[in-house]
Amino acid sequence: MLIAAATCSIWTLASAQISPNTQYYLDNANSGLAVNVSGASTVNGAAIIQWPYDANADSIWTFVATDSGYYQIVNANSGRDIVVQSASTSSGANIIQWSFGSAQNDQWKPVQNSDGSYTFHNRKSGLALEVPGDSTAQGVQLDQWTDNGGANQKFTVNIVGSSGGGSGNIAPNGTAYGWFGMSSSTGTANQTAQPGLNDNNLTANVDLEPAGGAIGAWEAGGVIWSSPVTISSADFINGDITTGGDGFLTANLKLQFTTDGTTWTDSGWTASPAYPYSSSAGGQTYAFSGTAVSGVLGAR
């Protein structure tokens, strides 16, 4: 968030939650590519690969609950499941699609990571779904391997036709800061801890610069994490307007991300509803939407 006047503000940042019978696409956190059925095949044995997401049915999946926290992951095009080939329990076994059966190699337990992504453990083998060799190449077939916490074993779960929308607020997992007196939108001047921005208290006001901001100076408020996270949505809650008329933005509300903790770039996400740049912003929530982003160390 970048602002041109001192304000009261609170952040929530979310990662999508898994719900049965909802359509999702799954992006690998390392490559950014989507889990896909090779060649849009509808036959048993077709390879499960990574490929750029194109909104076609061969890259869209539904979670169907079995029991004990496990799910079938069913392709929207073929109606077949993500399975470990030949019900193997060995690391490196290939992942294919196949009709649901009784071998339990077609059931997966999603475990959410601290960055909002998920790791999927196979019920038969106990091994994790992954992109082998940390590959970022299109067309690489997925396999299973011992869970090692690598980004190639993490997947973002994204609702089709949406940038996210789950209820998992990951803002409290990081450290909140305010910046003020910046001469440019990407500046980092006067970085100050502001724990009230991410403490999950959505009613208490936080003033980024109690002494008052300089005219034309940039200010920001946001969260930095100790390890990369995935962000699928972001909400900015504008605080109350003061008796002196302060507490709303006069220009340039935007969302920025950093992948190194210091260099900030505009996200290109849009806020809804449109920010009014007037006192009518007081107490309102503005939801930023855009394509889910992985490898993020900070959002402001």
C-alpha atoms as a PDB file:
ATOM      1  CA  MET A   1       0.000   0.000   0.000  1.00  0.00           C
ATOM      2  CA  LEU A   2       1.310   3.415  -0.948  1.00  0.00           C
ATOM      3  CA  ILE A   3      -0.320   6.529   0.383  1.00  0.00           C
ATOM      4  CA  ALA A   4       0.091  10.262   0.305  1.00  0.00           C
ATOM      5  CA  ALA A   5      -1.287  11.124   3.720  1.00  0.00           C
ATOM      6  CA  ALA A   6      -0.980   9.697   7.208  1.00  0.00           C
ATOM      7  CA  THR A   7      -3.692   7.099   7.692  1.00  0.00           C
ATOM      8  CA  CYS A   8      -5.005   4.342   9.892  1.00  0.00           C
ATOM      9  CA  SER A   9      -4.754   0.971   8.202  1.00  0.00           C
ATOM     10  CA  ILE A  10      -4.862  -2.775   8.745  1.00  0.00           C
ATOM     11  CA  TRP A  11      -3.809  -5.597   6.410  1.00  0.00           C
ATOM     12  CA  THR A  12      -5.069  -9.123   5.887  1.00  0.00           C
ATOM     13  CA  LEU A  13      -3.380 -11.319   3.268  1.00  0.00           C
ATOM     14  CA  ALA A  14      -4.831 -14.653   2.296  1.00  0.00           C
ATOM     15  CA  SER A  15      -4.088 -17.953   0.653  1.00  0.00           C
ATOM     16  CA  ALA A  16      -6.896 -20.064  -0.797  1.00  0.00           C
ATOM     17  CA  GLN A  17      -8.384 -22.839   1.342  1.00  0.00           C
ATOM     18  CA  ILE A  18      -9.377 -26.234  -0.078  1.00  0.00           C
ATOM     19  CA  SER A  19     -13.089 -26.941  -0.313  1.00  0.00           C
ATOM     20  CA  PRO A  20     -14.608 -30.102  -1.807  1.00  0.00           C
ATOM     21  CA  ASN A  21     -16.320 -29.826  -5.187  1.00  0.00           C
ATOM     22  CA  THR A  22     -14.774 -26.462  -6.020  1.00  0.00           C
ATOM     23  CA  GLN A  23     -12.712 -26.101  -9.198  1.00  0.00           C
ATOM     24  CA  TYR A  24      -9.054 -25.137  -8.730  1.00  0.00           C
ATOM     25  CA  TYR A  25      -5.847 -24.874 -10.664  1.00  0.00           C
ATOM     26  CA  LEU A  26      -2.619 -25.881  -8.917  1.00  0.00           C
ATOM     27  CA  ASP A  27       0.573 -23.891  -9.495  1.00  0.00           C
ATOM     28  CA  ASN A  28       3.965 -25.226  -8.473  1.00  0.00           C
ATOM     29  CA  ALA A  29       5.630 -22.776  -6.087  1.00  0.00           C
ATOM     30  CA  ASN A  30       9.052 -23.286  -7.689  1.00  0.00           C
ATOM     31  CA  SER A  31       8.248 -23.157 -11.402  1.00  0.00           C
ATOM     32  CA  GLY A  32       5.004 -21.189 -11.403  1.00  0.00           C
ATOM     33  CA  LEU A  33       3.596 -23.751 -13.848  1.00  0.00           C
ATOM     34  CA  ALA A  34       0.262 -25.519 -13.414  1.00  0.00           C
ATOM     35  CA  VAL A  35      -0.504 -29.187 -12.837  1.00  0.00           C
ATOM     36  CA  ASN A  36      -1.885 -30.460 -16.155  1.00  0.00           C
ATOM     37  CA  VAL A  37      -2.849 -33.667 -18.003  1.00  0.00           C
ATOM     38  CA  SER A  38      -0.452 -34.089 -20.924  1.00  0.00           C
ATOM     39  CA  GLY A  39      -2.115 -33.479 -24.278  1.00  0.00           C
ATOM     40  CA  ALA A  40      -5.512 -32.970 -22.640  1.00  0.00           C
ATOM     41  CA  SER A  41      -5.778 -36.773 -22.684  1.00  0.00           C
ATOM     42  CA  THR A  42      -8.846 -38.507 -21.293  1.00  0.00           C
ATOM     43  CA  VAL A  43      -7.319 -42.015 -21.112  1.00  0.00           C
ATOM     44  CA  ASN A  44      -5.877 -43.913 -18.170  1.00  0.00           C
ATOM     45  CA  GLY A  45      -2.096 -43.666 -17.926  1.00  0.00           C
ATOM     46  CA  ALA A  46      -1.652 -40.173 -19.350  1.00  0.00           C
ATOM     47  CA  ALA A  47       1.195 -38.276 -17.704  1.00  0.00           C
ATOM     48  CA  ILE A  48       0.556 -35.512 -15.179  1.00  0.00           C
ATOM     49  CA  ILE A  49       2.890 -32.668 -16.151  1.00  0.00           C
ATOM     50  CA  GLN A  50       3.521 -29.004 -15.429  1.00  0.00           C
ATOM     51  CA  TRP A  51       2.417 -26.502 -18.058  1.00  0.00           C
ATOM     52  CA  PRO A  52       1.426 -22.817 -18.187  1.00  0.00           C
ATOM     53  CA  TYR A  53      -2.116 -22.385 -16.898  1.00  0.00           C
ATOM     54  CA  ASP A  54      -4.512 -21.579 -19.743  1.00  0.00           C
ATOM     55  CA  ALA A  55      -7.906 -22.092 -18.055  1.00  0.00           C
ATOM     56  CA  ASN A  56      -8.571 -25.225 -20.131  1.00  0.00           C
ATOM     57  CA  ALA A  57     -10.257 -28.154 -18.388  1.00  0.00           C
ATOM     58  CA  ASP A  58      -7.124 -30.333 -18.505  1.00  0.00           C
ATOM     59  CA  SER A  59      -5.509 -27.979 -15.961  1.00  0.00           C
ATOM     60  CA  ILE A  60      -8.538 -27.716 -13.661  1.00  0.00           C
ATOM     61  CA  TRP A  61      -9.060 -29.998 -10.648  1.00  0.00           C
ATOM     62  CA  THR A  62     -11.681 -30.820  -8.038  1.00  0.00           C
ATOM     63  CA  PHE A  63     -11.000 -32.232  -4.565  1.00  0.00           C
ATOM     64  CA  VAL A  64     -13.339 -35.078  -3.596  1.00  0.00           C
ATOM     65  CA  ALA A  65     -13.097 -36.071   0.069  1.00  0.00           C
ATOM     66  CA  THR A  66     -12.585 -39.738   0.954  1.00  0.00           C
ATOM     67  CA  ASP A  67     -11.830 -39.967   4.695  1.00  0.00           C
ATOM     68  CA  SER A  68      -9.256 -39.043   7.345  1.00  0.00           C
ATOM     69  CA  GLY A  69      -8.330 -35.817   5.537  1.00  0.00           C
ATOM     70  CA  TYR A  70      -7.545 -37.468   2.193  1.00  0.00           C
ATOM     71  CA  TYR A  71      -8.943 -36.455  -1.189  1.00  0.00           C
ATOM     72  CA  GLN A  72      -9.168 -37.641  -4.744  1.00  0.00           C
ATOM     73  CA  ILE A  73      -7.839 -34.915  -7.062  1.00  0.00           C
ATOM     74  CA  VAL A  74     -10.060 -35.220 -10.133  1.00  0.00           C
ATOM     75  CA  ASN A  75      -9.391 -33.666 -13.532  1.00  0.00           C
ATOM     76  CA  ALA A  76     -12.249 -31.590 -14.985  1.00  0.00           C
ATOM     77  CA  ASN A  77     -11.554 -32.759 -18.531  1.00  0.00           C
ATOM     78  CA  SER A  78     -11.019 -36.498 -18.102  1.00  0.00           C
ATOM     79  CA  GLY A  79     -12.787 -37.212 -14.818  1.00  0.00           C
ATOM     80  CA  ARG A  80      -9.736 -39.241 -13.774  1.00  0.00           C
ATOM     81  CA  ASP A  81      -7.589 -38.910 -10.647  1.00  0.00           C
ATOM     82  CA  ILE A  82      -3.992 -37.949  -9.983  1.00  0.00           C
ATOM     83  CA  VAL A  83      -2.332 -41.259  -9.019  1.00  0.00           C
ATOM     84  CA  VAL A  84       1.082 -42.782  -8.377  1.00  0.00           C
ATOM     85  CA  GLN A  85       1.854 -45.139 -11.248  1.00  0.00           C
ATOM     86  CA  SER A  86       1.539 -48.857 -10.378  1.00  0.00           C
ATOM     87  CA  ALA A  87       0.784 -47.944  -6.735  1.00  0.00           C
ATOM     88  CA  SER A  88       4.536 -47.601  -6.197  1.00  0.00           C
ATOM     89  CA  THR A  89       5.908 -46.654  -2.799  1.00  0.00           C
ATOM     90  CA  SER A  90       9.319 -45.683  -4.199  1.00  0.00           C
ATOM     91  CA  SER A  91      10.721 -42.170  -4.510  1.00  0.00           C
ATOM     92  CA  GLY A  92      10.809 -41.087  -8.127  1.00  0.00           C
ATOM     93  CA  ALA A  93       7.705 -43.010  -9.216  1.00  0.00           C
ATOM     94  CA  ASN A  94       5.804 -41.170 -11.956  1.00  0.00           C
ATOM     95  CA  ILE A  95       2.456 -39.475 -11.535  1.00  0.00           C
ATOM     96  CA  ILE A  96      -0.303 -40.273 -14.035  1.00  0.00           C
ATOM     97  CA  GLN A  97      -4.090 -40.077 -14.279  1.00  0.00           C
ATOM     98  CA  TRP A  98      -6.250 -43.157 -13.666  1.00  0.00           C
ATOM     99  CA  SER A  99      -9.757 -44.132 -12.705  1.00  0.00           C
ATOM    100  CA  PHE A 100     -10.424 -44.118  -8.955  1.00  0.00           C
ATOM    101  CA  GLY A 101      -9.800 -47.512  -7.349  1.00  0.00           C
ATOM    102  CA  SER A 102      -9.032 -49.241  -4.060  1.00  0.00           C
ATOM    103  CA  ALA A 103      -5.209 -49.156  -3.980  1.00  0.00           C
ATOM    104  CA  GLN A 104      -5.074 -45.778  -2.160  1.00  0.00           C
ATOM    105  CA  ASN A 105      -2.403 -44.491  -4.560  1.00  0.00           C
ATOM    106  CA  ASP A 106      -5.090 -42.119  -5.834  1.00  0.00           C
ATOM    107  CA  GLN A 107      -5.691 -40.343  -2.511  1.00  0.00           C
ATOM    108  CA  TRP A 108      -3.775 -37.312  -1.244  1.00  0.00           C
ATOM    109  CA  LYS A 109      -3.654 -35.411   2.032  1.00  0.00           C
ATOM    110  CA  PRO A 110      -3.129 -31.648   1.567  1.00  0.00           C
ATOM    111  CA  VAL A 111      -0.941 -30.114   4.290  1.00  0.00           C
ATOM    112  CA  GLN A 112      -0.866 -26.320   4.336  1.00  0.00           C
ATOM    113  CA  ASN A 113       2.547 -24.702   4.728  1.00  0.00           C
ATOM    114  CA  SER A 114       3.278 -21.485   6.610  1.00  0.00           C
ATOM    115  CA  ASP A 115       3.519 -19.594   3.308  1.00  0.00           C
ATOM    116  CA  GLY A 116      -0.047 -20.569   2.365  1.00  0.00           C
ATOM    117  CA  SER A 117       0.930 -23.193  -0.216  1.00  0.00           C
ATOM    118  CA  TYR A 118       0.149 -26.901   0.101  1.00  0.00           C
ATOM    119  CA  THR A 119       2.171 -30.115   0.065  1.00  0.00           C
ATOM    120  CA  PHE A 120       0.264 -33.244  -1.016  1.00  0.00           C
ATOM    121  CA  HIS A 121       1.087 -36.586   0.644  1.00  0.00           C
ATOM    122  CA  ASN A 122       0.062 -39.826  -1.050  1.00  0.00           C
ATOM    123  CA  ARG A 123      -1.986 -42.171   1.120  1.00  0.00           C
ATOM    124  CA  LYS A 124      -0.332 -45.342  -0.201  1.00  0.00           C
ATOM    125  CA  SER A 125       3.319 -44.291  -0.124  1.00  0.00           C
ATOM    126  CA  GLY A 126       3.355 -41.370   2.297  1.00  0.00           C
ATOM    127  CA  LEU A 127       5.550 -39.507  -0.199  1.00  0.00           C
ATOM    128  CA  ALA A 128       5.016 -35.975  -1.486  1.00  0.00           C
ATOM    129  CA  LEU A 129       3.861 -34.857  -4.918  1.00  0.00           C
ATOM    130  CA  GLU A 130       6.609 -32.855  -6.619  1.00  0.00           C
ATOM    131  CA  VAL A 131       8.229 -31.549  -9.786  1.00  0.00           C
ATOM    132  CA  PRO A 132      11.452 -33.589 -10.084  1.00  0.00           C
ATOM    133  CA  GLY A 133      14.829 -31.903 -10.040  1.00  0.00           C
ATOM    134  CA  ASP A 134      13.394 -28.474  -9.210  1.00  0.00           C
ATOM    135  CA  SER A 135      12.667 -28.193 -12.932  1.00  0.00           C
ATOM    136  CA  THR A 136      11.057 -25.060 -14.312  1.00  0.00           C
ATOM    137  CA  ALA A 137      10.666 -26.531 -17.804  1.00  0.00           C
ATOM    138  CA  GLN A 138       7.291 -27.009 -19.464  1.00  0.00           C
ATOM    139  CA  GLY A 139       6.151 -30.601 -19.945  1.00  0.00           C
ATOM    140  CA  VAL A 140       8.075 -32.188 -17.060  1.00  0.00           C
ATOM    141  CA  GLN A 141       6.162 -35.116 -15.560  1.00  0.00           C
ATOM    142  CA  LEU A 142       5.490 -34.972 -11.828  1.00  0.00           C
ATOM    143  CA  ASP A 143       6.717 -37.685  -9.468  1.00  0.00           C
ATOM    144  CA  GLN A 144       6.654 -38.508  -5.744  1.00  0.00           C
ATOM    145  CA  TRP A 145       9.517 -38.051  -3.304  1.00  0.00           C
ATOM    146  CA  THR A 146      10.278 -37.855   0.398  1.00  0.00           C
ATOM    147  CA  ASP A 147       8.974 -34.562   1.769  1.00  0.00           C
ATOM    148  CA  ASN A 148      11.953 -32.205   2.072  1.00  0.00           C
ATOM    149  CA  GLY A 149      10.176 -28.846   2.268  1.00  0.00           C
ATOM    150  CA  GLY A 150      11.392 -27.767  -1.158  1.00  0.00           C
ATOM    151  CA  ALA A 151       9.448 -25.264  -3.243  1.00  0.00           C
ATOM    152  CA  ASN A 152       9.149 -27.923  -5.955  1.00  0.00           C
ATOM    153  CA  GLN A 153       6.947 -29.875  -3.513  1.00  0.00           C
ATOM    154  CA  LYS A 154       4.681 -26.927  -2.756  1.00  0.00           C
ATOM    155  CA  PHE A 155       1.620 -25.942  -4.756  1.00  0.00           C
ATOM    156  CA  THR A 156      -0.683 -22.947  -4.587  1.00  0.00           C
ATOM    157  CA  VAL A 157      -4.373 -23.798  -4.727  1.00  0.00           C
ATOM    158  CA  ASN A 158      -6.215 -21.216  -6.811  1.00  0.00           C
ATOM    159  CA  ILE A 159      -9.951 -20.974  -7.386  1.00  0.00           C
ATOM    160  CA  VAL A 160     -10.790 -21.012 -11.097  1.00  0.00           C
ATOM    161  CA  GLY A 161     -11.959 -17.615 -12.307  1.00  0.00           C
ATOM    162  CA  SER A 162     -10.625 -15.932  -9.170  1.00  0.00           C
ATOM    163  CA  SER A 163      -7.334 -14.804  -7.691  1.00  0.00           C
ATOM    164  CA  GLY A 164      -8.072 -16.725  -4.505  1.00  0.00           C
ATOM    165  CA  GLY A 165     -10.552 -15.934  -1.790  1.00  0.00           C
ATOM    166  CA  GLY A 166      -9.854 -18.321   1.050  1.00  0.00           C
ATOM    167  CA  SER A 167      -9.968 -17.430   4.717  1.00  0.00           C
ATOM    168  CA  GLY A 168      -6.345 -18.090   5.632  1.00  0.00           C
ATOM    169  CA  ASN A 169      -4.895 -14.787   6.840  1.00  0.00           C
ATOM    170  CA  ILE A 170      -1.097 -15.077   6.695  1.00  0.00           C
ATOM    171  CA  ALA A 171      -0.374 -11.451   7.640  1.00  0.00           C
ATOM    172  CA  PRO A 172       0.096 -12.271  11.370  1.00  0.00           C
ATOM    173  CA  ASN A 173       2.893 -14.704  10.449  1.00  0.00           C
ATOM    174  CA  GLY A 174       5.144 -11.818   9.448  1.00  0.00           C
ATOM    175  CA  THR A 175       6.397  -8.525  10.907  1.00  0.00           C
ATOM    176  CA  ALA A 176       4.446  -5.368  10.141  1.00  0.00           C
ATOM    177  CA  TYR A 177       6.126  -2.081   9.262  1.00  0.00           C
ATOM    178  CA  GLY A 178       5.254   1.445   8.254  1.00  0.00           C
ATOM    179  CA  TRP A 179       7.285   3.731   5.989  1.00  0.00           C
ATOM    180  CA  PHE A 180       6.929   7.490   5.750  1.00  0.00           C
ATOM    181  CA  GLY A 181       8.589  10.549   4.265  1.00  0.00           C
ATOM    182  CA  MET A 182       9.564   8.646   1.107  1.00  0.00           C
ATOM    183  CA  SER A 183      10.487  10.641  -2.003  1.00  0.00           C
ATOM    184  CA  SER A 184       9.357   7.905  -4.415  1.00  0.00           C
ATOM    185  CA  SER A 185       6.748   5.151  -4.508  1.00  0.00           C
ATOM    186  CA  THR A 186       9.387   2.430  -4.144  1.00  0.00           C
ATOM    187  CA  GLY A 187      11.317   4.132  -1.347  1.00  0.00           C
ATOM    188  CA  THR A 188      12.209   2.549   1.984  1.00  0.00           C
ATOM    189  CA  ALA A 189      12.770   5.600   4.212  1.00  0.00           C
ATOM    190  CA  ASN A 190      11.877   5.578   7.907  1.00  0.00           C
ATOM    191  CA  GLN A 191      10.891   1.921   8.140  1.00  0.00           C
ATOM    192  CA  THR A 192       9.279   1.515  11.565  1.00  0.00           C
ATOM    193  CA  ALA A 193       7.700  -1.509  13.244  1.00  0.00           C
ATOM    194  CA  GLN A 194       3.898  -1.229  13.351  1.00  0.00           C
ATOM    195  CA  PRO A 195       2.571  -4.416  15.007  1.00  0.00           C
ATOM    196  CA  GLY A 196      -0.989  -3.114  14.948  1.00  0.00           C
ATOM    197  CA  LEU A 197      -1.102  -3.577  11.176  1.00  0.00           C
ATOM    198  CA  ASN A 198      -1.130  -7.394  11.333  1.00  0.00           C
ATOM    199  CA  ASP A 199      -2.251  -8.368  14.836  1.00  0.00           C
ATOM    200  CA  ASN A 200      -5.678  -9.551  13.604  1.00  0.00           C
ATOM    201  CA  ASN A 201      -7.378  -6.725  15.506  1.00  0.00           C
ATOM    202  CA  LEU A 202      -9.462  -5.376  12.657  1.00  0.00           C
ATOM    203  CA  THR A 203     -10.977  -2.443  14.567  1.00  0.00           C
ATOM    204  CA  ALA A 204      -8.028  -0.680  16.257  1.00  0.00           C
ATOM    205  CA  ASN A 205      -6.564   2.272  14.346  1.00  0.00           C
ATOM    206  CA  VAL A 206      -2.874   2.552  13.464  1.00  0.00           C
ATOM    207  CA  ASP A 207      -1.382   5.937  12.582  1.00  0.00           C
ATOM    208  CA  LEU A 208       1.675   5.516  10.362  1.00  0.00           C
ATOM    209  CA  GLU A 209       3.064   8.962  11.180  1.00  0.00           C
ATOM    210  CA  PRO A 210       1.484  10.613  14.245  1.00  0.00           C
ATOM    211  CA  ALA A 211       3.490  13.799  13.700  1.00  0.00           C
ATOM    212  CA  GLY A 212       1.842  14.318  10.337  1.00  0.00           C
ATOM    213  CA  GLY A 213       3.116  13.604   6.853  1.00  0.00           C
ATOM    214  CA  ALA A 214       4.878  15.987   4.513  1.00  0.00           C
ATOM    215  CA  ILE A 215       2.865  17.177   1.526  1.00  0.00           C
ATOM    216  CA  GLY A 216       3.598  15.027  -1.504  1.00  0.00           C
ATOM    217  CA  ALA A 217       5.583  12.439   0.453  1.00  0.00           C
ATOM    218  CA  TRP A 218       4.921   8.754   0.037  1.00  0.00           C
ATOM    219  CA  GLU A 219       3.954   6.453   2.896  1.00  0.00           C
ATOM    220  CA  ALA A 220       3.348   2.719   3.132  1.00  0.00           C
ATOM    221  CA  GLY A 221       2.218   0.025   5.541  1.00  0.00           C
ATOM    222  CA  GLY A 222       2.672  -3.697   5.148  1.00  0.00           C
ATOM    223  CA  VAL A 223       4.161  -7.006   6.224  1.00  0.00           C
ATOM    224  CA  ILE A 224       7.549  -8.712   5.700  1.00  0.00           C
ATOM    225  CA  TRP A 225       7.996 -12.460   6.253  1.00  0.00           C
ATOM    226  CA  SER A 226      11.135 -14.373   7.201  1.00  0.00           C
ATOM    227  CA  SER A 227      10.605 -16.866   4.353  1.00  0.00           C
ATOM    228  CA  PRO A 228       8.752 -16.635   1.019  1.00  0.00           C
ATOM    229  CA  VAL A 229       4.954 -16.846   1.011  1.00  0.00           C
ATOM    230  CA  THR A 230       2.206 -17.170  -1.567  1.00  0.00           C
ATOM    231  CA  ILE A 231      -0.433 -14.441  -1.715  1.00  0.00           C
ATOM    232  CA  SER A 232      -3.763 -14.927  -3.462  1.00  0.00           C
ATOM    233  CA  SER A 233      -5.645 -11.904  -2.100  1.00  0.00           C
ATOM    234  CA  ALA A 234      -5.046  -8.833   0.039  1.00  0.00           C
ATOM    235  CA  ASP A 235      -7.431  -6.631   1.986  1.00  0.00           C
ATOM    236  CA  PHE A 236      -6.675  -3.087   3.124  1.00  0.00           C
ATOM    237  CA  ILE A 237      -8.943  -1.755   5.883  1.00  0.00           C
ATOM    238  CA  ASN A 238      -8.952   2.023   6.090  1.00  0.00           C
ATOM    239  CA  GLY A 239      -9.179   3.257   9.677  1.00  0.00           C
ATOM    240  CA  ASP A 240     -11.394   5.965  11.114  1.00  0.00           C
ATOM    241  CA  ILE A 241     -11.172   9.568  10.002  1.00  0.00           C
ATOM    242  CA  THR A 242      -9.856  11.870  12.753  1.00  0.00           C
ATOM    243  CA  THR A 243     -11.669  14.928  14.032  1.00  0.00           C
ATOM    244  CA  GLY A 244      -9.108  16.971  12.111  1.00  0.00           C
ATOM    245  CA  GLY A 245     -10.085  15.247   8.872  1.00  0.00           C
ATOM    246  CA  ASP A 246      -6.973  13.077   8.591  1.00  0.00           C
ATOM    247  CA  GLY A 247      -6.905   9.353   7.909  1.00  0.00           C
ATOM    248  CA  PHE A 248      -7.651   8.873   4.225  1.00  0.00           C
ATOM    249  CA  LEU A 249      -5.438   8.651   1.157  1.00  0.00           C
ATOM    250  CA  THR A 250      -5.179  11.586  -1.208  1.00  0.00           C
ATOM    251  CA  ALA A 251      -3.690   9.674  -4.144  1.00  0.00           C
ATOM    252  CA  ASN A 252      -2.012   6.505  -5.427  1.00  0.00           C
ATOM    253  CA  LEU A 253      -3.391   3.585  -3.461  1.00  0.00           C
ATOM    254  CA  LYS A 254      -1.579   0.503  -4.781  1.00  0.00           C
ATOM    255  CA  LEU A 255      -0.212  -2.835  -3.661  1.00  0.00           C
ATOM    256  CA  GLN A 256       3.484  -3.690  -3.906  1.00  0.00           C
ATOM    257  CA  PHE A 257       5.444  -6.917  -3.420  1.00  0.00           C
ATOM    258  CA  THR A 258       9.086  -7.602  -2.619  1.00  0.00           C
ATOM    259  CA  THR A 259      10.982 -10.839  -3.202  1.00  0.00           C
ATOM    260  CA  ASP A 260      14.143  -9.744  -1.364  1.00  0.00           C
ATOM    261  CA  GLY A 261      12.696  -7.703   1.512  1.00  0.00           C
ATOM    262  CA  THR A 262      13.994  -4.340   0.284  1.00  0.00           C
ATOM    263  CA  THR A 263      13.193  -3.831  -3.407  1.00  0.00           C
ATOM    264  CA  TRP A 264       9.517  -3.050  -3.984  1.00  0.00           C
ATOM    265  CA  THR A 265       7.608  -3.341  -7.254  1.00  0.00           C
ATOM    266  CA  ASP A 266       3.999  -2.583  -8.150  1.00  0.00           C
ATOM    267  CA  SER A 267       1.796  -5.680  -8.224  1.00  0.00           C
ATOM    268  CA  GLY A 268      -0.609  -4.449 -10.877  1.00  0.00           C
ATOM    269  CA  TRP A 269      -3.490  -5.722  -8.739  1.00  0.00           C
ATOM    270  CA  THR A 270      -6.677  -3.641  -8.585  1.00  0.00           C
ATOM    271  CA  ALA A 271      -8.671  -2.604  -5.534  1.00  0.00           C
ATOM    272  CA  SER A 272     -12.412  -3.050  -5.186  1.00  0.00           C
ATOM    273  CA  PRO A 273     -14.391  -0.963  -4.570  1.00  0.00           C
ATOM    274  CA  ALA A 274     -12.544   1.921  -6.175  1.00  0.00           C
ATOM    275  CA  TYR A 275     -10.836   4.044  -3.543  1.00  0.00           C
ATOM    276  CA  PRO A 276     -12.592   7.465  -3.246  1.00  0.00           C
ATOM    277  CA  TYR A 277      -9.599   9.528  -2.013  1.00  0.00           C
ATOM    278  CA  SER A 278     -11.903  11.302   0.416  1.00  0.00           C
ATOM    279  CA  SER A 279     -13.162  10.992   3.972  1.00  0.00           C
ATOM    280  CA  SER A 280     -15.792   8.491   2.766  1.00  0.00           C
ATOM    281  CA  ALA A 281     -12.980   5.888   2.768  1.00  0.00           C
ATOM    282  CA  GLY A 282     -13.060   5.744   6.572  1.00  0.00           C
ATOM    283  CA  GLY A 283     -13.829   2.310   8.001  1.00  0.00           C
ATOM    284  CA  GLN A 284     -14.079   0.648   4.590  1.00  0.00           C
ATOM    285  CA  THR A 285     -12.341  -2.509   3.316  1.00  0.00           C
ATOM    286  CA  TYR A 286     -10.640  -2.519  -0.087  1.00  0.00           C
ATOM    287  CA  ALA A 287      -9.901  -5.918  -1.613  1.00  0.00           C
ATOM    288  CA  PHE A 288      -6.950  -6.228  -3.990  1.00  0.00           C
ATOM    289  CA  SER A 289      -7.262  -8.893  -6.675  1.00  0.00           C
ATOM    290  CA  GLY A 290      -4.823 -10.326  -9.197  1.00  0.00           C
ATOM    291  CA  THR A 291      -3.018 -13.520 -10.122  1.00  0.00           C
ATOM    292  CA  ALA A 292      -1.724 -15.413  -7.078  1.00  0.00           C
ATOM    293  CA  VAL A 293       2.002 -14.762  -6.534  1.00  0.00           C
ATOM    294  CA  SER A 294       4.568 -17.100  -4.958  1.00  0.00           C
ATOM    295  CA  GLY A 295       8.037 -16.323  -3.590  1.00  0.00           C
ATOM    296  CA  VAL A 296       6.899 -13.123  -1.892  1.00  0.00           C
ATOM    297  CA  LEU A 297       8.850 -11.848   1.138  1.00  0.00           C
ATOM    298  CA  GLY A 298       6.774  -8.724   1.690  1.00  0.00           C
ATOM    299  CA  ALA A 299       3.561  -6.934   0.741  1.00  0.00           C
ATOM    300  CA  ARG A 300       2.679  -3.295   1.352  1.00  0.00           C
END
